[in-house]
Amino acid sequence: MKDSSKNTNRLFSEVEGITIEQFFIFQEIEKVKEWIAYDELTLSEIAWKLGYSSVAHLSAQFKKVTGLTASHVKKHAANNRKSLDNI
């Protein structure tokens, strides 16, 4: 890695308190939560779209970041969504 990249990574970590890699993982998990809430894609499709090697890898990453399983989030998201007719 070039020195400028190392400096950028270090500065990012100092300012944000997390690594750039962690930041991108957190962003991906937020996207997963959004897609789960909309219930238009399967977990397999989400894993494929985000470039995960398997659903198991995505599921493990999701649980590590959120502390919850994707199926738990999906179940509760479905209960909390309101149809457009009810808004």
Protein backbone atom coordinates (compact mmCIF):
# COMPACT_ATOMS: atom_id res chain seq x y z
CA MET A 1 0.00 0.00 0.00
CA LYS A 2 1.28 3.45 -0.82
CA ASP A 3 2.12 5.83 2.00
CA SER A 4 -0.66 8.22 0.95
CA SER A 5 -3.19 5.38 1.15
CA LYS A 6 -1.94 4.40 4.58
CA ASN A 7 -2.22 8.02 5.73
CA THR A 8 -5.73 8.29 4.31
CA ASN A 9 -6.79 5.06 6.02
CA ARG A 10 -5.26 6.16 9.32
CA LEU A 11 -6.89 9.59 9.13
CA PHE A 12 -10.27 8.04 8.31
CA SER A 13 -9.95 5.68 11.29
CA GLU A 14 -8.96 8.51 13.61
CA VAL A 15 -11.88 10.69 12.55
CA GLU A 16 -14.58 8.02 12.27
CA GLY A 17 -13.39 5.58 14.91
CA ILE A 18 -13.67 2.64 12.49
CA THR A 19 -11.68 1.37 9.53
CA ILE A 20 -12.69 2.08 5.95
CA GLU A 21 -13.44 -1.62 5.54
CA GLN A 22 -15.80 -1.54 8.54
CA PHE A 23 -17.47 1.57 7.14
CA PHE A 24 -18.22 -0.18 3.84
CA ILE A 25 -19.47 -3.29 5.63
CA PHE A 26 -21.82 -1.15 7.75
CA GLN A 27 -23.09 0.56 4.58
CA GLU A 28 -23.73 -2.81 2.93
CA ILE A 29 -25.62 -4.07 5.97
CA GLU A 30 -27.81 -0.95 5.92
CA LYS A 31 -28.60 -1.72 2.28
CA VAL A 32 -29.41 -5.33 3.23
CA LYS A 33 -31.80 -4.10 5.95
CA GLU A 34 -33.51 -1.84 3.43
CA TRP A 35 -33.88 -4.63 0.86
CA ILE A 36 -35.17 -6.99 3.54
CA ALA A 37 -37.77 -4.41 4.60
CA TYR A 38 -39.01 -4.02 1.02
CA ASP A 39 -39.24 -7.83 0.71
CA GLU A 40 -38.58 -7.79 -3.03
CA LEU A 41 -35.37 -9.84 -3.05
CA THR A 42 -34.41 -13.12 -1.46
CA LEU A 43 -31.34 -13.27 0.76
CA SER A 44 -29.63 -15.23 -2.03
CA GLU A 45 -30.31 -12.42 -4.48
CA ILE A 46 -29.09 -9.81 -2.00
CA ALA A 47 -25.88 -11.78 -1.37
CA TRP A 48 -25.28 -12.06 -5.12
CA LYS A 49 -25.96 -8.34 -5.74
CA LEU A 50 -23.47 -7.33 -3.04
CA GLY A 51 -20.81 -9.80 -4.17
CA TYR A 52 -20.83 -12.08 -1.14
CA SER A 53 -19.47 -15.57 -1.76
CA SER A 54 -22.52 -17.17 -0.16
CA VAL A 55 -25.71 -16.49 1.77
CA ALA A 56 -23.99 -17.98 4.81
CA HIS A 57 -21.22 -15.37 4.59
CA LEU A 58 -23.74 -12.53 4.27
CA SER A 59 -25.83 -13.94 7.13
CA ALA A 60 -22.78 -14.22 9.38
CA GLN A 61 -21.71 -10.66 8.54
CA PHE A 62 -25.26 -9.40 9.13
CA LYS A 63 -25.45 -11.05 12.56
CA LYS A 64 -21.98 -9.83 13.49
CA VAL A 65 -22.90 -6.22 12.69
CA THR A 66 -26.51 -6.09 13.88
CA GLY A 67 -26.61 -8.81 16.53
CA LEU A 68 -29.72 -10.16 14.83
CA THR A 69 -30.43 -12.68 12.11
CA ALA A 70 -31.68 -11.47 8.77
CA SER A 71 -34.83 -13.58 9.19
CA HIS A 72 -35.55 -11.89 12.54
CA VAL A 73 -35.23 -8.46 10.93
CA LYS A 74 -37.38 -9.55 7.98
CA LYS A 75 -40.12 -10.81 10.29
CA HIS A 76 -40.22 -7.58 12.30
CA ALA A 77 -39.91 -5.35 9.25
CA ALA A 78 -42.96 -7.02 7.74
CA ASN A 79 -44.94 -6.37 10.93
CA ASN A 80 -43.95 -2.70 11.02
CA ARG A 81 -44.58 -1.77 7.38
CA LYS A 82 -47.78 0.02 6.52
CA SER A 83 -49.39 -0.33 3.14
CA LEU A 84 -49.90 2.83 1.13
CA ASP A 85 -53.64 2.49 1.67
CA ASN A 86 -53.11 2.92 5.42
CA ILE A 87 -50.98 6.04 5.28
